[in-house]
PDB file of N, CA and C in Angstrom:
ATOM      1  N   MET A   1     150.228  30.424 116.765  1.00  0.00           N
ATOM      2  CA  MET A   1     149.314  30.946 115.761  1.00  0.00           C
ATOM      3  C   MET A   1     147.917  30.959 116.368  1.00  0.00           C
ATOM      4  N   ASN A   2     147.369  32.147 116.541  1.00  0.00           N
ATOM      5  CA  ASN A   2     146.073  32.304 117.189  1.00  0.00           C
ATOM      6  C   ASN A   2     144.905  32.236 116.216  1.00  0.00           C
ATOM      7  N   THR A   3     145.116  32.576 114.959  1.00  0.00           N
ATOM      8  CA  THR A   3     144.034  32.547 113.985  1.00  0.00           C
ATOM      9  C   THR A   3     144.216  31.357 113.054  1.00  0.00           C
ATOM     10  N   ILE A   4     143.113  30.791 112.629  1.00  0.00           N
ATOM     11  CA  ILE A   4     143.161  29.655 111.708  1.00  0.00           C
ATOM     12  C   ILE A   4     143.368  30.190 110.297  1.00  0.00           C
ATOM     13  N   PRO A   5     144.405  29.689 109.616  1.00  0.00           N
ATOM     14  CA  PRO A   5     144.697  30.223 108.277  1.00  0.00           C
ATOM     15  C   PRO A   5     143.678  29.771 107.237  1.00  0.00           C
ATOM     16  N   HIS A   6     143.686  30.468 106.121  1.00  0.00           N
ATOM     17  CA  HIS A   6     142.872  30.099 104.966  1.00  0.00           C
ATOM     18  C   HIS A   6     143.788  29.506 103.911  1.00  0.00           C
ATOM     19  N   CYS A   7     143.293  28.559 103.154  1.00  0.00           N
ATOM     20  CA  CYS A   7     144.052  27.910 102.094  1.00  0.00           C
ATOM     21  C   CYS A   7     144.440  28.942 101.035  1.00  0.00           C
ATOM     22  N   PRO A   8     145.721  29.005 100.650  1.00  0.00           N
ATOM     23  CA  PRO A   8     146.125  29.959  99.622  1.00  0.00           C
ATOM     24  C   PRO A   8     145.605  29.590  98.233  1.00  0.00           C
ATOM     25  N   ASP A   9     145.209  28.336  98.027  1.00  0.00           N
ATOM     26  CA  ASP A   9     144.689  27.887  96.729  1.00  0.00           C
ATOM     27  C   ASP A   9     143.168  28.022  96.641  1.00  0.00           C
ATOM     28  N   CYS A  10     142.444  27.518  97.658  1.00  0.00           N
ATOM     29  CA  CYS A  10     140.975  27.489  97.627  1.00  0.00           C
ATOM     30  C   CYS A  10     140.317  28.628  98.395  1.00  0.00           C
ATOM     31  N   GLU A  11     141.084  29.275  99.261  1.00  0.00           N
ATOM     32  CA  GLU A  11     140.596  30.335 100.128  1.00  0.00           C
ATOM     33  C   GLU A  11     139.582  29.860 101.163  1.00  0.00           C
ATOM     34  N   LYS A  12     139.522  28.547 101.404  1.00  0.00           N
ATOM     35  CA  LYS A  12     138.652  27.986 102.448  1.00  0.00           C
ATOM     36  C   LYS A  12     139.395  28.030 103.779  1.00  0.00           C
ATOM     37  N   GLN A  13     138.644  28.120 104.891  1.00  0.00           N
ATOM     38  CA  GLN A  13     139.268  28.067 106.206  1.00  0.00           C
ATOM     39  C   GLN A  13     139.791  26.655 106.432  1.00  0.00           C
ATOM     40  N   MET A  14     141.016  26.562 106.934  1.00  0.00           N
ATOM     41  CA  MET A  14     141.662  25.271 107.135  1.00  0.00           C
ATOM     42  C   MET A  14     141.267  24.683 108.483  1.00  0.00           C
ATOM     43  N   GLU A  15     141.426  23.354 108.615  1.00  0.00           N
ATOM     44  CA  GLU A  15     141.124  22.644 109.856  1.00  0.00           C
ATOM     45  C   GLU A  15     142.413  22.402 110.623  1.00  0.00           C
ATOM     46  N   LYS A  16     142.388  22.647 111.933  1.00  0.00           N
ATOM     47  CA  LYS A  16     143.562  22.447 112.777  1.00  0.00           C
ATOM     48  C   LYS A  16     143.706  20.965 113.124  1.00  0.00           C
ATOM     49  N   GLY A  17     144.943  20.489 113.179  1.00  0.00           N
ATOM     50  CA  GLY A  17     145.213  19.105 113.565  1.00  0.00           C
ATOM     51  C   GLY A  17     146.697  18.915 113.828  1.00  0.00           C
ATOM     52  N   PHE A  18     147.136  17.663 113.828  1.00  0.00           N
ATOM     53  CA  PHE A  18     148.556  17.366 114.004  1.00  0.00           C
ATOM     54  C   PHE A  18     148.881  16.076 113.275  1.00  0.00           C
ATOM     55  N   ILE A  19     150.164  15.863 113.024  1.00  0.00           N
ATOM     56  CA  ILE A  19     150.625  14.654 112.349  1.00  0.00           C
ATOM     57  C   ILE A  19     151.280  13.770 113.401  1.00  0.00           C
ATOM     58  N   PRO A  20     150.690  12.610 113.725  1.00  0.00           N
ATOM     59  CA  PRO A  20     151.272  11.769 114.768  1.00  0.00           C
ATOM     60  C   PRO A  20     152.524  11.040 114.288  1.00  0.00           C
ATOM     61  N   ASP A  21     153.480  10.905 115.194  1.00  0.00           N
ATOM     62  CA  ASP A  21     154.651  10.060 115.001  1.00  0.00           C
ATOM     63  C   ASP A  21     154.306   8.736 115.666  1.00  0.00           C
ATOM     64  N   THR A  22     154.226   7.661 114.918  1.00  0.00           N
ATOM     65  CA  THR A  22     153.864   6.378 115.520  1.00  0.00           C
ATOM     66  C   THR A  22     155.108   5.644 115.990  1.00  0.00           C
ATOM     67  N   THR A  23     154.971   4.972 117.130  1.00  0.00           N
ATOM     68  CA  THR A  23     156.040   4.178 117.719  1.00  0.00           C
ATOM     69  C   THR A  23     155.465   2.842 118.127  1.00  0.00           C
ATOM     70  N   LEU A  24     156.299   1.973 118.646  1.00  0.00           N
ATOM     71  CA  LEU A  24     155.811   0.688 119.153  1.00  0.00           C
ATOM     72  C   LEU A  24     154.888   0.873 120.348  1.00  0.00           C
ATOM     73  N   LEU A  25     155.022   2.003 121.032  1.00  0.00           N
ATOM     74  CA  LEU A  25     154.234   2.261 122.238  1.00  0.00           C
ATOM     75  C   LEU A  25     152.964   3.055 121.983  1.00  0.00           C
ATOM     76  N   GLY A  26     152.722   3.453 120.742  1.00  0.00           N
ATOM     77  CA  GLY A  26     151.543   4.247 120.433  1.00  0.00           C
ATOM     78  C   GLY A  26     151.893   5.378 119.494  1.00  0.00           C
ATOM     79  N   ALA A  27     151.281   6.530 119.707  1.00  0.00           N
ATOM     80  CA  ALA A  27     151.531   7.686 118.837  1.00  0.00           C
ATOM     81  C   ALA A  27     151.916   8.890 119.676  1.00  0.00           C
ATOM     82  N   LEU A  28     152.792   9.722 119.125  1.00  0.00           N
ATOM     83  CA  LEU A  28     153.247  10.946 119.764  1.00  0.00           C
ATOM     84  C   LEU A  28     153.005  12.108 118.816  1.00  0.00           C
ATOM     85  N   GLN A  29     152.942  13.308 119.344  1.00  0.00           N
ATOM     86  CA  GLN A  29     152.832  14.474 118.476  1.00  0.00           C
ATOM     87  C   GLN A  29     154.203  14.755 117.884  1.00  0.00           C
ATOM     88  N   ALA A  30     154.264  14.941 116.568  1.00  0.00           N
ATOM     89  CA  ALA A  30     155.523  15.227 115.895  1.00  0.00           C
ATOM     90  C   ALA A  30     156.098  16.542 116.396  1.00  0.00           C
ATOM     91  N   THR A  31     157.432  16.619 116.434  1.00  0.00           N
ATOM     92  CA  THR A  31     158.110  17.835 116.868  1.00  0.00           C
ATOM     93  C   THR A  31     159.142  18.268 115.839  1.00  0.00           C
ATOM     94  N   TRP A  32     159.526  19.539 115.913  1.00  0.00           N
ATOM     95  CA  TRP A  32     160.569  20.111 115.066  1.00  0.00           C
ATOM     96  C   TRP A  32     161.792  20.341 115.928  1.00  0.00           C
ATOM     97  N   HIS A  33     162.983  20.107 115.361  1.00  0.00           N
ATOM     98  CA  HIS A  33     164.235  20.310 116.084  1.00  0.00           C
ATOM     99  C   HIS A  33     165.199  21.055 115.172  1.00  0.00           C
ATOM    100  N   PRO A  34     165.896  22.074 115.678  1.00  0.00           N
ATOM    101  CA  PRO A  34     166.837  22.813 114.835  1.00  0.00           C
ATOM    102  C   PRO A  34     168.094  21.993 114.519  1.00  0.00           C
ATOM    103  N   ASP A  35     168.820  22.412 113.519  1.00  0.00           N
ATOM    104  CA  ASP A  35     170.099  21.831 113.119  1.00  0.00           C
ATOM    105  C   ASP A  35     169.934  20.507 112.380  1.00  0.00           C
ATOM    106  N   ASP A  36     171.059  19.921 111.999  1.00  0.00           N
ATOM    107  CA  ASP A  36     171.061  18.628 111.324  1.00  0.00           C
ATOM    108  C   ASP A  36     170.955  17.506 112.350  1.00  0.00           C
ATOM    109  N   PRO A  37     170.359  16.365 111.978  1.00  0.00           N
ATOM    110  CA  PRO A  37     170.267  15.249 112.924  1.00  0.00           C
ATOM    111  C   PRO A  37     171.649  14.671 113.218  1.00  0.00           C
ATOM    112  N   GLU A  38     171.851  14.309 114.472  1.00  0.00           N
ATOM    113  CA  GLU A  38     173.096  13.681 114.903  1.00  0.00           C
ATOM    114  C   GLU A  38     172.763  12.251 115.320  1.00  0.00           C
ATOM    115  N   ASN A  39     173.455  11.281 114.742  1.00  0.00           N
ATOM    116  CA  ASN A  39     173.207   9.874 115.035  1.00  0.00           C
ATOM    117  C   ASN A  39     173.370   9.617 116.526  1.00  0.00           C
ATOM    118  N   ALA A  40     172.434   8.883 117.111  1.00  0.00           N
ATOM    119  CA  ALA A  40     172.457   8.589 118.540  1.00  0.00           C
ATOM    120  C   ALA A  40     173.359   7.408 118.867  1.00  0.00           C
ATOM    121  N   GLY A  41     173.897   6.750 117.862  1.00  0.00           N
ATOM    122  CA  GLY A  41     174.716   5.571 118.132  1.00  0.00           C
ATOM    123  C   GLY A  41     173.841   4.344 118.233  1.00  0.00           C
ATOM    124  N   GLY A  42     174.425   3.227 118.370  1.00  0.00           N
ATOM    125  CA  GLY A  42     173.681   1.975 118.366  1.00  0.00           C
ATOM    126  C   GLY A  42     173.462   1.392 119.733  1.00  0.00           C
ATOM    127  N   THR A  43     172.708   2.062 120.603  1.00  0.00           N
ATOM    128  CA  THR A  43     172.389   1.474 121.903  1.00  0.00           C
ATOM    129  C   THR A  43     170.880   1.513 122.129  1.00  0.00           C
ATOM    130  N   PHE A  44     170.397   0.508 122.812  1.00  0.00           N
ATOM    131  CA  PHE A  44     168.987   0.416 123.188  1.00  0.00           C
ATOM    132  C   PHE A  44     168.947  -0.105 124.605  1.00  0.00           C
ATOM    133  N   PHE A  45     168.546   0.730 125.564  1.00  0.00           N
ATOM    134  CA  PHE A  45     168.578   0.387 126.994  1.00  0.00           C
ATOM    135  C   PHE A  45     169.969  -0.088 127.406  1.00  0.00           C
ATOM    136  N   GLY A  46     171.010   0.547 126.838  1.00  0.00           N
ATOM    137  CA  GLY A  46     172.379   0.218 127.205  1.00  0.00           C
ATOM    138  C   GLY A  46     173.001  -0.924 126.420  1.00  0.00           C
ATOM    139  N   PHE A  47     172.205  -1.612 125.587  1.00  0.00           N
ATOM    140  CA  PHE A  47     172.726  -2.714 124.786  1.00  0.00           C
ATOM    141  C   PHE A  47     173.123  -2.211 123.403  1.00  0.00           C
ATOM    142  N   LYS A  48     174.249  -2.695 122.888  1.00  0.00           N
ATOM    143  CA  LYS A  48     174.721  -2.282 121.576  1.00  0.00           C
ATOM    144  C   LYS A  48     173.840  -2.903 120.491  1.00  0.00           C
ATOM    145  N   THR A  49     173.442  -2.085 119.500  1.00  0.00           N
ATOM    146  CA  THR A  49     172.618  -2.560 118.388  1.00  0.00           C
ATOM    147  C   THR A  49     173.262  -2.149 117.077  1.00  0.00           C
ATOM    148  N   LYS A  50     172.670  -2.568 115.983  1.00  0.00           N
ATOM    149  CA  LYS A  50     173.165  -2.182 114.666  1.00  0.00           C
ATOM    150  C   LYS A  50     172.583  -0.844 114.225  1.00  0.00           C
ATOM    151  N   ASN A  51     171.722  -0.262 115.021  1.00  0.00           N
ATOM    152  CA  ASN A  51     171.108   1.050 114.768  1.00  0.00           C
ATOM    153  C   ASN A  51     170.417   1.091 113.405  1.00  0.00           C
ATOM    154  N   ARG A  52     169.629   0.087 113.119  1.00  0.00           N
ATOM    155  CA  ARG A  52     168.889   0.038 111.853  1.00  0.00           C
ATOM    156  C   ARG A  52     167.819   1.111 111.777  1.00  0.00           C
ATOM    157  N   THR A  53     167.328   1.561 112.918  1.00  0.00           N
ATOM    158  CA  THR A  53     166.259   2.560 112.931  1.00  0.00           C
ATOM    159  C   THR A  53     166.787   3.967 112.735  1.00  0.00           C
ATOM    160  N   LYS A  54     168.098   4.145 112.765  1.00  0.00           N
ATOM    161  CA  LYS A  54     168.710   5.464 112.573  1.00  0.00           C
ATOM    162  C   LYS A  54     168.181   6.483 113.569  1.00  0.00           C
ATOM    163  N   THR A  55     168.191   6.130 114.837  1.00  0.00           N
ATOM    164  CA  THR A  55     167.749   7.067 115.865  1.00  0.00           C
ATOM    165  C   THR A  55     168.710   8.244 115.943  1.00  0.00           C
ATOM    166  N   VAL A  56     168.200   9.383 116.336  1.00  0.00           N
ATOM    167  CA  VAL A  56     169.004  10.597 116.432  1.00  0.00           C
ATOM    168  C   VAL A  56     168.903  11.185 117.833  1.00  0.00           C
ATOM    169  N   ARG A  57     169.923  11.938 118.206  1.00  0.00           N
ATOM    170  CA  ARG A  57     169.922  12.629 119.503  1.00  0.00           C
ATOM    171  C   ARG A  57     169.063  13.883 119.399  1.00  0.00           C
ATOM    172  N   ILE A  58     168.340  14.168 120.463  1.00  0.00           N
ATOM    173  CA  ILE A  58     167.577  15.413 120.511  1.00  0.00           C
ATOM    174  C   ILE A  58     167.763  16.069 121.873  1.00  0.00           C
ATOM    175  N   GLU A  59     167.625  17.376 121.876  1.00  0.00           N
ATOM    176  CA  GLU A  59     167.590  18.130 123.123  1.00  0.00           C
ATOM    177  C   GLU A  59     166.141  18.569 123.290  1.00  0.00           C
ATOM    178  N   GLU A  60     165.457  17.956 124.210  1.00  0.00           N
ATOM    179  CA  GLU A  60     164.021  18.191 124.407  1.00  0.00           C
ATOM    180  C   GLU A  60     163.688  19.675 124.531  1.00  0.00           C
ATOM    181  N   SER A  61     164.546  20.440 125.192  1.00  0.00           N
ATOM    182  CA  SER A  61     164.262  21.863 125.401  1.00  0.00           C
ATOM    183  C   SER A  61     164.297  22.667 124.097  1.00  0.00           C
ATOM    184  N   ARG A  62     164.904  22.111 123.046  1.00  0.00           N
ATOM    185  CA  ARG A  62     165.001  22.821 121.771  1.00  0.00           C
ATOM    186  C   ARG A  62     163.894  22.424 120.792  1.00  0.00           C
ATOM    187  N   THR A  63     163.058  21.476 121.152  1.00  0.00           N
ATOM    188  CA  THR A  63     162.014  21.022 120.237  1.00  0.00           C
ATOM    189  C   THR A  63     160.785  21.922 120.305  1.00  0.00           C
ATOM    190  N   ARG A  64     160.011  21.906 119.233  1.00  0.00           N
ATOM    191  CA  ARG A  64     158.749  22.648 119.153  1.00  0.00           C
ATOM    192  C   ARG A  64     157.696  21.715 118.586  1.00  0.00           C
ATOM    193  N   LYS A  65     156.505  21.710 119.172  1.00  0.00           N
ATOM    194  CA  LYS A  65     155.410  20.885 118.650  1.00  0.00           C
ATOM    195  C   LYS A  65     154.989  21.390 117.282  1.00  0.00           C
ATOM    196  N   ILE A  66     154.643  20.459 116.409  1.00  0.00           N
ATOM    197  CA  ILE A  66     154.208  20.816 115.065  1.00  0.00           C
ATOM    198  C   ILE A  66     152.687  20.796 115.011  1.00  0.00           C
ATOM    199  N   ILE A  67     152.101  21.929 114.643  1.00  0.00           N
ATOM    200  CA  ILE A  67     150.664  22.058 114.441  1.00  0.00           C
ATOM    201  C   ILE A  67     150.440  22.113 112.932  1.00  0.00           C
ATOM    202  N   SER A  68     149.500  21.333 112.443  1.00  0.00           N
ATOM    203  CA  SER A  68     149.207  21.330 111.009  1.00  0.00           C
ATOM    204  C   SER A  68     147.780  21.777 110.757  1.00  0.00           C
ATOM    205  N   TYR A  69     147.588  22.376 109.621  1.00  0.00           N
ATOM    206  CA  TYR A  69     146.263  22.792 109.174  1.00  0.00           C
ATOM    207  C   TYR A  69     146.017  22.146 107.818  1.00  0.00           C
ATOM    208  N   ARG A  70     144.784  21.669 107.612  1.00  0.00           N
ATOM    209  CA  ARG A  70     144.419  20.973 106.381  1.00  0.00           C
ATOM    210  C   ARG A  70     143.241  21.667 105.725  1.00  0.00           C
ATOM    211  N   CYS A  71     143.331  21.858 104.405  1.00  0.00           N
ATOM    212  CA  CYS A  71     142.221  22.436 103.658  1.00  0.00           C
ATOM    213  C   CYS A  71     141.185  21.346 103.416  1.00  0.00           C
ATOM    214  N   PRO A  72     139.925  21.560 103.813  1.00  0.00           N
ATOM    215  CA  PRO A  72     138.890  20.548 103.597  1.00  0.00           C
ATOM    216  C   PRO A  72     138.514  20.394 102.119  1.00  0.00           C
ATOM    217  N   GLU A  73     138.876  21.380 101.315  1.00  0.00           N
ATOM    218  CA  GLU A  73     138.533  21.356  99.893  1.00  0.00           C
ATOM    219  C   GLU A  73     139.571  20.595  99.062  1.00  0.00           C
ATOM    220  N   CYS A  74     140.838  21.008  99.147  1.00  0.00           N
ATOM    221  CA  CYS A  74     141.874  20.416  98.288  1.00  0.00           C
ATOM    222  C   CYS A  74     142.854  19.520  99.048  1.00  0.00           C
ATOM    223  N   GLY A  75     142.832  19.526 100.385  1.00  0.00           N
ATOM    224  CA  GLY A  75     143.700  18.657 101.167  1.00  0.00           C
ATOM    225  C   GLY A  75     145.092  19.226 101.438  1.00  0.00           C
ATOM    226  N   LEU A  76     145.366  20.458 101.023  1.00  0.00           N
ATOM    227  CA  LEU A  76     146.667  21.063 101.272  1.00  0.00           C
ATOM    228  C   LEU A  76     146.972  21.080 102.771  1.00  0.00           C
ATOM    229  N   LEU A  77     148.200  20.703 103.140  1.00  0.00           N
ATOM    230  CA  LEU A  77     148.636  20.760 104.537  1.00  0.00           C
ATOM    231  C   LEU A  77     149.639  21.888 104.683  1.00  0.00           C
ATOM    232  N   ARG A  78     149.504  22.642 105.781  1.00  0.00           N
ATOM    233  CA  ARG A  78     150.488  23.664 106.147  1.00  0.00           C
ATOM    234  C   ARG A  78     150.827  23.405 107.600  1.00  0.00           C
ATOM    235  N   SER A  79     152.105  23.300 107.891  1.00  0.00           N
ATOM    236  CA  SER A  79     152.552  22.990 109.257  1.00  0.00           C
ATOM    237  C   SER A  79     153.361  24.140 109.821  1.00  0.00           C
ATOM    238  N   PHE A  80     153.215  24.330 111.136  1.00  0.00           N
ATOM    239  CA  PHE A  80     153.914  25.378 111.858  1.00  0.00           C
ATOM    240  C   PHE A  80     154.507  24.790 113.128  1.00  0.00           C
ATOM    241  N   ALA A  81     155.742  25.175 113.462  1.00  0.00           N
ATOM    242  CA  ALA A  81     156.370  24.766 114.702  1.00  0.00           C
ATOM    243  C   ALA A  81     155.984  25.773 115.769  1.00  0.00           C
ATOM    244  N   LYS A  82     155.301  25.304 116.808  1.00  0.00           N
ATOM    245  CA  LYS A  82     154.786  26.196 117.851  1.00  0.00           C
ATOM    246  C   LYS A  82     155.601  26.078 119.113  1.00  0.00           C
TER     247      LYS A  82
END
């Protein structure tokens, strides 16, 4: 998306940003992945776990970064997979 969208409610120009995915190691840019999530199983560095975090398998080549725009007036968020 090359142009910054305008809010459909307030008609104000929106601000570009992103929604971080936080992890134990810091923050990452959220991504979009097609299809339904597939459970990754209960392993962590090769050790069997109870998989309480519900990790899922992803194919990195199929992901798209999520860009979000926020209305400074009403706070509406609109996200696009780029």
